[in-house]
Amino acid sequence: MECDALCRVAPGIYAAGDVASGHNPHFGTRMRLEHRMNATEQAMAAVGNLLGDAKPFAPVSYFWTDRYDTRIQAYGVLGWNTPRQLRTLRRLVVERVSGTAFTVVPALRPATVN
C-alpha cells in the first residue's frame, strides 16, 4: 500500500509493516522495509499519527541478528560484534554525515583458531 510520510493510505486509514510503502523524508524517496524492527517502529508512528501527532516517519533502516557468539547489526552500515561503534555510526547516518567524515575501526577481539 502506498502511504504518505505519516503512514496514511487515505483519510483515517494507516498502514505499517511489510505492506506499507511510504515516502521517507530523510532519504527523499519511497521505501518499503521488510524487517520486524521497521514494522514495530512504523506501527508506533502510524498509531501516533492516527491520534494526531502529525510526525513524518523517517526511519534509518536497522536490523540485527545473533549467530552463535556473533552479533551482526546494520544501520545503513554493517557491524560485526561492534555494538557501541555501530550506535555512533547510526547517529552519523541519521545526521547525514558524509561517509568520508568517519572511519570504521575493526573490533579488537582476537580471532580464535581451532
PDB file of N, CA and C in Angstrom:
ATOM      1  N   MET A   1       0.836  -1.168   0.000  1.00  0.00           N
ATOM      2  CA  MET A   1       0.000   0.000   0.000  1.00  0.00           C
ATOM      3  C   MET A   1       0.885   1.236   0.000  1.00  0.00           C
ATOM      4  N   GLU A   2       0.529   2.193  -0.818  1.00  0.00           N
ATOM      5  CA  GLU A   2       1.291   3.437  -0.844  1.00  0.00           C
ATOM      6  C   GLU A   2       0.779   4.375   0.231  1.00  0.00           C
ATOM      7  N   CYS A   3       1.710   4.808   1.086  1.00  0.00           N
ATOM      8  CA  CYS A   3       1.379   5.697   2.195  1.00  0.00           C
ATOM      9  C   CYS A   3       2.082   7.034   2.000  1.00  0.00           C
ATOM     10  N   ASP A   4       1.578   8.042   2.692  1.00  0.00           N
ATOM     11  CA  ASP A   4       2.319   9.297   2.729  1.00  0.00           C
ATOM     12  C   ASP A   4       3.336   9.219   3.871  1.00  0.00           C
ATOM     13  N   ALA A   5       4.037  10.305   4.144  1.00  0.00           N
ATOM     14  CA  ALA A   5       5.075  10.306   5.178  1.00  0.00           C
ATOM     15  C   ALA A   5       4.519  10.082   6.575  1.00  0.00           C
ATOM     16  N   LEU A   6       3.198  10.198   6.750  1.00  0.00           N
ATOM     17  CA  LEU A   6       2.574   9.981   8.049  1.00  0.00           C
ATOM     18  C   LEU A   6       2.031   8.553   8.198  1.00  0.00           C
ATOM     19  N   CYS A   7       2.338   7.677   7.244  1.00  0.00           N
ATOM     20  CA  CYS A   7       1.872   6.284   7.203  1.00  0.00           C
ATOM     21  C   CYS A   7       0.389   6.204   6.836  1.00  0.00           C
ATOM     22  N   ARG A   8      -0.156   7.266   6.265  1.00  0.00           N
ATOM     23  CA  ARG A   8      -1.582   7.336   5.938  1.00  0.00           C
ATOM     24  C   ARG A   8      -1.808   6.897   4.490  1.00  0.00           C
ATOM     25  N   VAL A   9      -2.742   5.973   4.313  1.00  0.00           N
ATOM     26  CA  VAL A   9      -3.125   5.486   2.989  1.00  0.00           C
ATOM     27  C   VAL A   9      -4.249   6.359   2.424  1.00  0.00           C
ATOM     28  N   ALA A  10      -5.189   6.717   3.285  1.00  0.00           N
ATOM     29  CA  ALA A  10      -6.339   7.560   2.946  1.00  0.00           C
ATOM     30  C   ALA A  10      -6.809   8.179   4.262  1.00  0.00           C
ATOM     31  N   PRO A  11      -7.688   9.160   4.225  1.00  0.00           N
ATOM     32  CA  PRO A  11      -8.159   9.748   5.481  1.00  0.00           C
ATOM     33  C   PRO A  11      -8.664   8.681   6.457  1.00  0.00           C
ATOM     34  N   GLY A  12      -8.038   8.625   7.655  1.00  0.00           N
ATOM     35  CA  GLY A  12      -8.438   7.678   8.686  1.00  0.00           C
ATOM     36  C   GLY A  12      -7.924   6.258   8.497  1.00  0.00           C
ATOM     37  N   ILE A  13      -7.124   6.012   7.449  1.00  0.00           N
ATOM     38  CA  ILE A  13      -6.597   4.672   7.179  1.00  0.00           C
ATOM     39  C   ILE A  13      -5.071   4.743   7.139  1.00  0.00           C
ATOM     40  N   TYR A  14      -4.437   3.952   8.004  1.00  0.00           N
ATOM     41  CA  TYR A  14      -2.986   3.947   8.130  1.00  0.00           C
ATOM     42  C   TYR A  14      -2.471   2.530   7.923  1.00  0.00           C
ATOM     43  N   ALA A  15      -1.218   2.405   7.497  1.00  0.00           N
ATOM     44  CA  ALA A  15      -0.626   1.085   7.279  1.00  0.00           C
ATOM     45  C   ALA A  15       0.783   1.054   7.852  1.00  0.00           C
ATOM     46  N   ALA A  16       1.228  -0.145   8.214  1.00  0.00           N
ATOM     47  CA  ALA A  16       2.580  -0.328   8.740  1.00  0.00           C
ATOM     48  C   ALA A  16       3.059  -1.722   8.395  1.00  0.00           C
ATOM     49  N   GLY A  17       4.363  -1.892   8.389  1.00  0.00           N
ATOM     50  CA  GLY A  17       4.956  -3.202   8.154  1.00  0.00           C
ATOM     51  C   GLY A  17       5.235  -3.477   6.690  1.00  0.00           C
ATOM     52  N   ASP A  18       5.332  -4.756   6.355  1.00  0.00           N
ATOM     53  CA  ASP A  18       5.723  -5.169   5.008  1.00  0.00           C
ATOM     54  C   ASP A  18       4.798  -4.662   3.912  1.00  0.00           C
ATOM     55  N   VAL A  19       3.529  -4.397   4.242  1.00  0.00           N
ATOM     56  CA  VAL A  19       2.573  -3.962   3.225  1.00  0.00           C
ATOM     57  C   VAL A  19       2.676  -2.473   2.923  1.00  0.00           C
ATOM     58  N   ALA A  20       3.378  -1.724   3.775  1.00  0.00           N
ATOM     59  CA  ALA A  20       3.395  -0.266   3.648  1.00  0.00           C
ATOM     60  C   ALA A  20       4.625   0.226   2.907  1.00  0.00           C
ATOM     61  N   SER A  21       4.404   1.025   1.895  1.00  0.00           N
ATOM     62  CA  SER A  21       5.466   1.684   1.151  1.00  0.00           C
ATOM     63  C   SER A  21       5.227   3.177   1.298  1.00  0.00           C
ATOM     64  N   GLY A  22       6.114   3.837   2.015  1.00  0.00           N
ATOM     65  CA  GLY A  22       5.872   5.248   2.285  1.00  0.00           C
ATOM     66  C   GLY A  22       7.032   6.128   1.892  1.00  0.00           C
ATOM     67  N   HIS A  23       6.728   7.396   1.700  1.00  0.00           N
ATOM     68  CA  HIS A  23       7.771   8.372   1.392  1.00  0.00           C
ATOM     69  C   HIS A  23       8.594   8.611   2.649  1.00  0.00           C
ATOM     70  N   ASN A  24       9.906   8.430   2.546  1.00  0.00           N
ATOM     71  CA  ASN A  24      10.804   8.659   3.670  1.00  0.00           C
ATOM     72  C   ASN A  24      11.460  10.022   3.479  1.00  0.00           C
ATOM     73  N   PRO A  25      11.037  11.035   4.258  1.00  0.00           N
ATOM     74  CA  PRO A  25      11.587  12.369   4.082  1.00  0.00           C
ATOM     75  C   PRO A  25      13.074  12.459   4.397  1.00  0.00           C
ATOM     76  N   HIS A  26      13.600  11.531   5.178  1.00  0.00           N
ATOM     77  CA  HIS A  26      15.032  11.548   5.491  1.00  0.00           C
ATOM     78  C   HIS A  26      15.867  11.273   4.245  1.00  0.00           C
ATOM     79  N   PHE A  27      15.428  10.317   3.428  1.00  0.00           N
ATOM     80  CA  PHE A  27      16.159   9.947   2.225  1.00  0.00           C
ATOM     81  C   PHE A  27      15.554  10.528   0.952  1.00  0.00           C
ATOM     82  N   GLY A  28      14.371  11.137   1.065  1.00  0.00           N
ATOM     83  CA  GLY A  28      13.743  11.754  -0.092  1.00  0.00           C
ATOM     84  C   GLY A  28      13.251  10.772  -1.135  1.00  0.00           C
ATOM     85  N   THR A  29      12.846   9.590  -0.711  1.00  0.00           N
ATOM     86  CA  THR A  29      12.368   8.587  -1.661  1.00  0.00           C
ATOM     87  C   THR A  29      11.340   7.679  -0.988  1.00  0.00           C
ATOM     88  N   ARG A  30      10.589   6.963  -1.792  1.00  0.00           N
ATOM     89  CA  ARG A  30       9.629   5.987  -1.278  1.00  0.00           C
ATOM     90  C   ARG A  30      10.396   4.731  -0.877  1.00  0.00           C
ATOM     91  N   MET A  31      10.048   4.179   0.289  1.00  0.00           N
ATOM     92  CA  MET A  31      10.738   2.990   0.789  1.00  0.00           C
ATOM     93  C   MET A  31       9.741   1.994   1.360  1.00  0.00           C
ATOM     94  N   ARG A  32      10.097   0.728   1.258  1.00  0.00           N
ATOM     95  CA  ARG A  32       9.363  -0.351   1.926  1.00  0.00           C
ATOM     96  C   ARG A  32      10.419  -1.245   2.551  1.00  0.00           C
ATOM     97  N   LEU A  33      10.467  -1.278   3.871  1.00  0.00           N
ATOM     98  CA  LEU A  33      11.464  -2.060   4.582  1.00  0.00           C
ATOM     99  C   LEU A  33      10.817  -3.303   5.160  1.00  0.00           C
ATOM    100  N   GLU A  34      11.356  -4.450   4.844  1.00  0.00           N
ATOM    101  CA  GLU A  34      10.787  -5.723   5.271  1.00  0.00           C
ATOM    102  C   GLU A  34      11.581  -6.290   6.443  1.00  0.00           C
ATOM    103  N   HIS A  35      11.383  -5.698   7.609  1.00  0.00           N
ATOM    104  CA  HIS A  35      12.053  -6.191   8.794  1.00  0.00           C
ATOM    105  C   HIS A  35      11.190  -5.920  10.014  1.00  0.00           C
ATOM    106  N   ARG A  36      11.278  -6.782  10.987  1.00  0.00           N
ATOM    107  CA  ARG A  36      10.484  -6.686  12.196  1.00  0.00           C
ATOM    108  C   ARG A  36      10.675  -5.349  12.912  1.00  0.00           C
ATOM    109  N   MET A  37      11.890  -4.854  12.991  1.00  0.00           N
ATOM    110  CA  MET A  37      12.138  -3.586  13.677  1.00  0.00           C
ATOM    111  C   MET A  37      11.382  -2.451  12.986  1.00  0.00           C
ATOM    112  N   ASN A  38      11.419  -2.431  11.669  1.00  0.00           N
ATOM    113  CA  ASN A  38      10.703  -1.389  10.939  1.00  0.00           C
ATOM    114  C   ASN A  38       9.200  -1.503  11.168  1.00  0.00           C
ATOM    115  N   ALA A  39       8.673  -2.721  11.151  1.00  0.00           N
ATOM    116  CA  ALA A  39       7.232  -2.899  11.352  1.00  0.00           C
ATOM    117  C   ALA A  39       6.807  -2.368  12.719  1.00  0.00           C
ATOM    118  N   THR A  40       7.611  -2.621  13.740  1.00  0.00           N
ATOM    119  CA  THR A  40       7.300  -2.140  15.084  1.00  0.00           C
ATOM    120  C   THR A  40       7.348  -0.618  15.151  1.00  0.00           C
ATOM    121  N   GLU A  41       8.427  -0.033  14.644  1.00  0.00           N
ATOM    122  CA  GLU A  41       8.578   1.428  14.692  1.00  0.00           C
ATOM    123  C   GLU A  41       7.534   2.127  13.829  1.00  0.00           C
ATOM    124  N   GLN A  42       7.235   1.556  12.662  1.00  0.00           N
ATOM    125  CA  GLN A  42       6.244   2.162  11.772  1.00  0.00           C
ATOM    126  C   GLN A  42       4.849   2.068  12.375  1.00  0.00           C
ATOM    127  N   ALA A  43       4.552   0.962  13.044  1.00  0.00           N
ATOM    128  CA  ALA A  43       3.248   0.825  13.700  1.00  0.00           C
ATOM    129  C   ALA A  43       3.091   1.869  14.797  1.00  0.00           C
ATOM    130  N   MET A  44       4.147   2.105  15.575  1.00  0.00           N
ATOM    131  CA  MET A  44       4.075   3.125  16.628  1.00  0.00           C
ATOM    132  C   MET A  44       3.878   4.515  16.015  1.00  0.00           C
ATOM    133  N   ALA A  45       4.547   4.786  14.900  1.00  0.00           N
ATOM    134  CA  ALA A  45       4.384   6.076  14.223  1.00  0.00           C
ATOM    135  C   ALA A  45       2.964   6.210  13.666  1.00  0.00           C
ATOM    136  N   ALA A  46       2.443   5.141  13.060  1.00  0.00           N
ATOM    137  CA  ALA A  46       1.097   5.187  12.490  1.00  0.00           C
ATOM    138  C   ALA A  46       0.054   5.449  13.571  1.00  0.00           C
ATOM    139  N   VAL A  47       0.175   4.773  14.706  1.00  0.00           N
ATOM    140  CA  VAL A  47      -0.774   4.985  15.809  1.00  0.00           C
ATOM    141  C   VAL A  47      -0.678   6.417  16.318  1.00  0.00           C
ATOM    142  N   GLY A  48       0.545   6.908  16.491  1.00  0.00           N
ATOM    143  CA  GLY A  48       0.721   8.290  16.931  1.00  0.00           C
ATOM    144  C   GLY A  48       0.083   9.271  15.970  1.00  0.00           C
ATOM    145  N   ASN A  49       0.270   9.048  14.680  1.00  0.00           N
ATOM    146  CA  ASN A  49      -0.315   9.939  13.679  1.00  0.00           C
ATOM    147  C   ASN A  49      -1.828   9.804  13.620  1.00  0.00           C
ATOM    148  N   LEU A  50      -2.342   8.601  13.801  1.00  0.00           N
ATOM    149  CA  LEU A  50      -3.784   8.395  13.866  1.00  0.00           C
ATOM    150  C   LEU A  50      -4.389   9.188  15.027  1.00  0.00           C
ATOM    151  N   LEU A  51      -3.621   9.294  16.118  1.00  0.00           N
ATOM    152  CA  LEU A  51      -4.084  10.021  17.302  1.00  0.00           C
ATOM    153  C   LEU A  51      -3.748  11.511  17.261  1.00  0.00           C
ATOM    154  N   GLY A  52      -3.138  11.972  16.143  1.00  0.00           N
ATOM    155  CA  GLY A  52      -2.937  13.402  15.968  1.00  0.00           C
ATOM    156  C   GLY A  52      -1.527  13.934  16.064  1.00  0.00           C
ATOM    157  N   ASP A  53      -0.510  13.084  16.161  1.00  0.00           N
ATOM    158  CA  ASP A  53       0.866  13.580  16.270  1.00  0.00           C
ATOM    159  C   ASP A  53       1.332  14.358  15.040  1.00  0.00           C
ATOM    160  N   ALA A  54       0.959  13.904  13.849  1.00  0.00           N
ATOM    161  CA  ALA A  54       1.376  14.514  12.578  1.00  0.00           C
ATOM    162  C   ALA A  54       2.895  14.619  12.461  1.00  0.00           C
ATOM    163  N   LYS A  55       3.601  13.507  12.797  1.00  0.00           N
ATOM    164  CA  LYS A  55       5.063  13.445  12.686  1.00  0.00           C
ATOM    165  C   LYS A  55       5.425  12.486  11.556  1.00  0.00           C
ATOM    166  N   PRO A  56       6.186  12.947  10.568  1.00  0.00           N
ATOM    167  CA  PRO A  56       6.600  12.054   9.483  1.00  0.00           C
ATOM    168  C   PRO A  56       7.425  10.882  10.015  1.00  0.00           C
ATOM    169  N   PHE A  57       7.223   9.729   9.421  1.00  0.00           N
ATOM    170  CA  PHE A  57       8.005   8.544   9.744  1.00  0.00           C
ATOM    171  C   PHE A  57       9.197   8.532   8.805  1.00  0.00           C
ATOM    172  N   ALA A  58      10.400   8.741   9.348  1.00  0.00           N
ATOM    173  CA  ALA A  58      11.615   8.846   8.534  1.00  0.00           C
ATOM    174  C   ALA A  58      12.683   7.906   9.083  1.00  0.00           C
ATOM    175  N   PRO A  59      12.492   6.598   8.930  1.00  0.00           N
ATOM    176  CA  PRO A  59      13.422   5.662   9.547  1.00  0.00           C
ATOM    177  C   PRO A  59      14.757   5.564   8.813  1.00  0.00           C
ATOM    178  N   VAL A  60      15.774   5.253   9.590  1.00  0.00           N
ATOM    179  CA  VAL A  60      17.039   4.768   9.036  1.00  0.00           C
ATOM    180  C   VAL A  60      16.977   3.270   9.256  1.00  0.00           C
ATOM    181  N   SER A  61      17.021   2.519   8.176  1.00  0.00           N
ATOM    182  CA  SER A  61      16.821   1.084   8.308  1.00  0.00           C
ATOM    183  C   SER A  61      17.825   0.477   9.280  1.00  0.00           C
ATOM    184  N   TYR A  62      17.335  -0.475  10.054  1.00  0.00           N
ATOM    185  CA  TYR A  62      18.129  -1.116  11.090  1.00  0.00           C
ATOM    186  C   TYR A  62      17.671  -2.553  11.241  1.00  0.00           C
ATOM    187  N   PHE A  63      18.630  -3.434  11.398  1.00  0.00           N
ATOM    188  CA  PHE A  63      18.300  -4.791  11.802  1.00  0.00           C
ATOM    189  C   PHE A  63      19.486  -5.368  12.559  1.00  0.00           C
ATOM    190  N   TRP A  64      19.216  -6.406  13.304  1.00  0.00           N
ATOM    191  CA  TRP A  64      20.278  -7.126  13.999  1.00  0.00           C
ATOM    192  C   TRP A  64      19.927  -8.593  14.061  1.00  0.00           C
ATOM    193  N   THR A  65      20.948  -9.392  14.234  1.00  0.00           N
ATOM    194  CA  THR A  65      20.763 -10.820  14.418  1.00  0.00           C
ATOM    195  C   THR A  65      21.935 -11.352  15.221  1.00  0.00           C
ATOM    196  N   ASP A  66      21.680 -12.363  16.011  1.00  0.00           N
ATOM    197  CA  ASP A  66      22.748 -13.055  16.730  1.00  0.00           C
ATOM    198  C   ASP A  66      22.960 -14.403  16.071  1.00  0.00           C
ATOM    199  N   ARG A  67      24.199 -14.710  15.783  1.00  0.00           N
ATOM    200  CA  ARG A  67      24.580 -16.010  15.232  1.00  0.00           C
ATOM    201  C   ARG A  67      25.658 -16.583  16.131  1.00  0.00           C
ATOM    202  N   TYR A  68      25.254 -17.511  16.976  1.00  0.00           N
ATOM    203  CA  TYR A  68      26.144 -18.092  17.978  1.00  0.00           C
ATOM    204  C   TYR A  68      26.712 -16.968  18.841  1.00  0.00           C
ATOM    205  N   ASP A  69      28.026 -16.760  18.859  1.00  0.00           N
ATOM    206  CA  ASP A  69      28.597 -15.710  19.703  1.00  0.00           C
ATOM    207  C   ASP A  69      28.853 -14.418  18.925  1.00  0.00           C
ATOM    208  N   THR A  70      28.210 -14.261  17.782  1.00  0.00           N
ATOM    209  CA  THR A  70      28.407 -13.084  16.939  1.00  0.00           C
ATOM    210  C   THR A  70      27.119 -12.286  16.837  1.00  0.00           C
ATOM    211  N   ARG A  71      27.192 -10.991  17.038  1.00  0.00           N
ATOM    212  CA  ARG A  71      26.048 -10.097  16.831  1.00  0.00           C
ATOM    213  C   ARG A  71      26.327  -9.300  15.556  1.00  0.00           C
ATOM    214  N   ILE A  72      25.411  -9.374  14.614  1.00  0.00           N
ATOM    215  CA  ILE A  72      25.519  -8.638  13.356  1.00  0.00           C
ATOM    216  C   ILE A  72      24.459  -7.552  13.399  1.00  0.00           C
ATOM    217  N   GLN A  73      24.859  -6.304  13.140  1.00  0.00           N
ATOM    218  CA  GLN A  73      23.942  -5.174  13.166  1.00  0.00           C
ATOM    219  C   GLN A  73      24.143  -4.341  11.909  1.00  0.00           C
ATOM    220  N   ALA A  74      23.062  -3.747  11.434  1.00  0.00           N
ATOM    221  CA  ALA A  74      23.173  -2.852  10.276  1.00  0.00           C
ATOM    222  C   ALA A  74      22.287  -1.638  10.480  1.00  0.00           C
ATOM    223  N   TYR A  75      22.877  -0.469  10.307  1.00  0.00           N
ATOM    224  CA  TYR A  75      22.185   0.825  10.345  1.00  0.00           C
ATOM    225  C   TYR A  75      22.587   1.583   9.096  1.00  0.00           C
ATOM    226  N   GLY A  76      22.356   1.061   7.945  1.00  0.00           N
ATOM    227  CA  GLY A  76      22.871   1.685   6.735  1.00  0.00           C
ATOM    228  C   GLY A  76      24.338   1.318   6.546  1.00  0.00           C
ATOM    229  N   VAL A  77      24.992   0.885   7.611  1.00  0.00           N
ATOM    230  CA  VAL A  77      26.352   0.302   7.587  1.00  0.00           C
ATOM    231  C   VAL A  77      26.260  -0.995   8.359  1.00  0.00           C
ATOM    232  N   LEU A  78      27.183  -1.889   8.161  1.00  0.00           N
ATOM    233  CA  LEU A  78      27.135  -3.207   8.774  1.00  0.00           C
ATOM    234  C   LEU A  78      28.225  -3.335   9.829  1.00  0.00           C
ATOM    235  N   GLY A  79      27.866  -3.905  10.977  1.00  0.00           N
ATOM    236  CA  GLY A  79      28.838  -4.115  12.042  1.00  0.00           C
ATOM    237  C   GLY A  79      28.870  -5.559  12.482  1.00  0.00           C
ATOM    238  N   TRP A  80      30.030  -5.987  12.938  1.00  0.00           N
ATOM    239  CA  TRP A  80      30.229  -7.351  13.380  1.00  0.00           C
ATOM    240  C   TRP A  80      30.838  -7.301  14.772  1.00  0.00           C
ATOM    241  N   ASN A  81      30.029  -7.624  15.796  1.00  0.00           N
ATOM    242  CA  ASN A  81      30.470  -7.578  17.188  1.00  0.00           C
ATOM    243  C   ASN A  81      31.008  -6.198  17.591  1.00  0.00           C
ATOM    244  N   THR A  82      30.357  -5.138  17.129  1.00  0.00           N
ATOM    245  CA  THR A  82      30.779  -3.771  17.454  1.00  0.00           C
ATOM    246  C   THR A  82      29.567  -2.914  17.802  1.00  0.00           C
ATOM    247  N   PRO A  83      28.766  -3.285  18.820  1.00  0.00           N
ATOM    248  CA  PRO A  83      27.522  -2.565  19.087  1.00  0.00           C
ATOM    249  C   PRO A  83      27.708  -1.090  19.421  1.00  0.00           C
ATOM    250  N   ARG A  84      28.718  -0.744  20.203  1.00  0.00           N
ATOM    251  CA  ARG A  84      28.908   0.672  20.556  1.00  0.00           C
ATOM    252  C   ARG A  84      29.293   1.508  19.342  1.00  0.00           C
ATOM    253  N   GLN A  85      30.225   0.998  18.539  1.00  0.00           N
ATOM    254  CA  GLN A  85      30.644   1.735  17.351  1.00  0.00           C
ATOM    255  C   GLN A  85      29.478   1.904  16.381  1.00  0.00           C
ATOM    256  N   LEU A  86      28.634   0.865  16.275  1.00  0.00           N
ATOM    257  CA  LEU A  86      27.501   0.936  15.346  1.00  0.00           C
ATOM    258  C   LEU A  86      26.475   1.950  15.781  1.00  0.00           C
ATOM    259  N   ARG A  87      26.252   2.093  17.083  1.00  0.00           N
ATOM    260  CA  ARG A  87      25.314   3.123  17.554  1.00  0.00           C
ATOM    261  C   ARG A  87      25.816   4.505  17.158  1.00  0.00           C
ATOM    262  N   THR A  88      27.124   4.726  17.258  1.00  0.00           N
ATOM    263  CA  THR A  88      27.709   6.005  16.839  1.00  0.00           C
ATOM    264  C   THR A  88      27.528   6.192  15.338  1.00  0.00           C
ATOM    265  N   LEU A  89      27.792   5.151  14.566  1.00  0.00           N
ATOM    266  CA  LEU A  89      27.642   5.251  13.109  1.00  0.00           C
ATOM    267  C   LEU A  89      26.190   5.482  12.720  1.00  0.00           C
ATOM    268  N   ARG A  90      25.241   4.886  13.457  1.00  0.00           N
ATOM    269  CA  ARG A  90      23.830   5.114  13.158  1.00  0.00           C
ATOM    270  C   ARG A  90      23.498   6.595  13.293  1.00  0.00           C
ATOM    271  N   ARG A  91      24.005   7.213  14.355  1.00  0.00           N
ATOM    272  CA  ARG A  91      23.761   8.645  14.552  1.00  0.00           C
ATOM    273  C   ARG A  91      24.314   9.436  13.371  1.00  0.00           C
ATOM    274  N   LEU A  92      25.488   9.047  12.868  1.00  0.00           N
ATOM    275  CA  LEU A  92      26.074   9.740  11.721  1.00  0.00           C
ATOM    276  C   LEU A  92      25.210   9.569  10.470  1.00  0.00           C
ATOM    277  N   VAL A  93      24.629   8.376  10.305  1.00  0.00           N
ATOM    278  CA  VAL A  93      23.733   8.153   9.160  1.00  0.00           C
ATOM    279  C   VAL A  93      22.490   9.020   9.309  1.00  0.00           C
ATOM    280  N   VAL A  94      21.901   9.030  10.514  1.00  0.00           N
ATOM    281  CA  VAL A  94      20.705   9.838  10.760  1.00  0.00           C
ATOM    282  C   VAL A  94      20.989  11.312  10.502  1.00  0.00           C
ATOM    283  N   GLU A  95      22.167  11.777  10.911  1.00  0.00           N
ATOM    284  CA  GLU A  95      22.529  13.182  10.742  1.00  0.00           C
ATOM    285  C   GLU A  95      23.086  13.490   9.357  1.00  0.00           C
ATOM    286  N   ARG A  96      23.160  12.468   8.495  1.00  0.00           N
ATOM    287  CA  ARG A  96      23.609  12.614   7.108  1.00  0.00           C
ATOM    288  C   ARG A  96      25.041  13.115   6.997  1.00  0.00           C
ATOM    289  N   VAL A  97      25.916  12.636   7.871  1.00  0.00           N
ATOM    290  CA  VAL A  97      27.326  12.993   7.806  1.00  0.00           C
ATOM    291  C   VAL A  97      27.934  12.266   6.619  1.00  0.00           C
ATOM    292  N   SER A  98      28.778  12.955   5.881  1.00  0.00           N
ATOM    293  CA  SER A  98      29.423  12.366   4.722  1.00  0.00           C
ATOM    294  C   SER A  98      30.199  11.120   5.109  1.00  0.00           C
ATOM    295  N   GLY A  99      30.181  10.105   4.262  1.00  0.00           N
ATOM    296  CA  GLY A  99      30.904   8.861   4.515  1.00  0.00           C
ATOM    297  C   GLY A  99      32.396   9.055   4.636  1.00  0.00           C
ATOM    298  N   THR A 100      32.934  10.131   4.102  1.00  0.00           N
ATOM    299  CA  THR A 100      34.366  10.392   4.213  1.00  0.00           C
ATOM    300  C   THR A 100      34.728  11.025   5.545  1.00  0.00           C
ATOM    301  N   ALA A 101      33.715  11.360   6.375  1.00  0.00           N
ATOM    302  CA  ALA A 101      33.979  12.048   7.635  1.00  0.00           C
ATOM    303  C   ALA A 101      34.263  11.095   8.787  1.00  0.00           C
ATOM    304  N   PHE A 102      34.137   9.782   8.577  1.00  0.00           N
ATOM    305  CA  PHE A 102      34.400   8.855   9.673  1.00  0.00           C
ATOM    306  C   PHE A 102      35.106   7.622   9.152  1.00  0.00           C
ATOM    307  N   THR A 103      35.749   6.929  10.063  1.00  0.00           N
ATOM    308  CA  THR A 103      36.472   5.709   9.743  1.00  0.00           C
ATOM    309  C   THR A 103      35.925   4.584  10.606  1.00  0.00           C
ATOM    310  N   VAL A 104      35.737   3.445  10.023  1.00  0.00           N
ATOM    311  CA  VAL A 104      35.272   2.283  10.772  1.00  0.00           C
ATOM    312  C   VAL A 104      36.494   1.570  11.332  1.00  0.00           C
ATOM    313  N   VAL A 105      36.477   1.355  12.634  1.00  0.00           N
ATOM    314  CA  VAL A 105      37.585   0.686  13.308  1.00  0.00           C
ATOM    315  C   VAL A 105      37.179  -0.755  13.577  1.00  0.00           C
ATOM    316  N   PRO A 106      37.977  -1.726  13.163  1.00  0.00           N
ATOM    317  CA  PRO A 106      37.611  -3.125  13.404  1.00  0.00           C
ATOM    318  C   PRO A 106      37.608  -3.449  14.889  1.00  0.00           C
ATOM    319  N   ALA A 107      36.829  -4.426  15.250  1.00  0.00           N
ATOM    320  CA  ALA A 107      36.768  -4.876  16.643  1.00  0.00           C
ATOM    321  C   ALA A 107      38.144  -5.375  17.077  1.00  0.00           C
ATOM    322  N   LEU A 108      38.470  -5.161  18.320  1.00  0.00           N
ATOM    323  CA  LEU A 108      39.772  -5.548  18.837  1.00  0.00           C
ATOM    324  C   LEU A 108      39.756  -6.927  19.468  1.00  0.00           C
ATOM    325  N   ARG A 109      38.873  -7.760  19.020  1.00  0.00           N
ATOM    326  CA  ARG A 109      38.736  -9.105  19.564  1.00  0.00           C
ATOM    327  C   ARG A 109      39.559 -10.070  18.718  1.00  0.00           C
ATOM    328  N   PRO A 110      40.498 -10.791  19.319  1.00  0.00           N
ATOM    329  CA  PRO A 110      41.323 -11.703  18.533  1.00  0.00           C
ATOM    330  C   PRO A 110      40.521 -12.875  17.989  1.00  0.00           C
ATOM    331  N   ALA A 111      40.917 -13.327  16.839  1.00  0.00           N
ATOM    332  CA  ALA A 111      40.275 -14.490  16.231  1.00  0.00           C
ATOM    333  C   ALA A 111      40.721 -15.755  16.959  1.00  0.00           C
ATOM    334  N   THR A 112      39.847 -16.721  17.037  1.00  0.00           N
ATOM    335  CA  THR A 112      40.159 -17.998  17.672  1.00  0.00           C
ATOM    336  C   THR A 112      40.407 -19.036  16.583  1.00  0.00           C
ATOM    337  N   VAL A 113      41.520 -19.708  16.692  1.00  0.00           N
ATOM    338  CA  VAL A 113      41.859 -20.737  15.713  1.00  0.00           C
ATOM    339  C   VAL A 113      41.819 -22.087  16.426  1.00  0.00           C
ATOM    340  N   ASN A 114      41.068 -23.033  15.874  1.00  0.00           N
ATOM    341  CA  ASN A 114      40.991 -24.366  16.472  1.00  0.00           C
ATOM    342  C   ASN A 114      41.857 -25.340  15.719  1.00  0.00           C
TER     343      ASN A 114
END
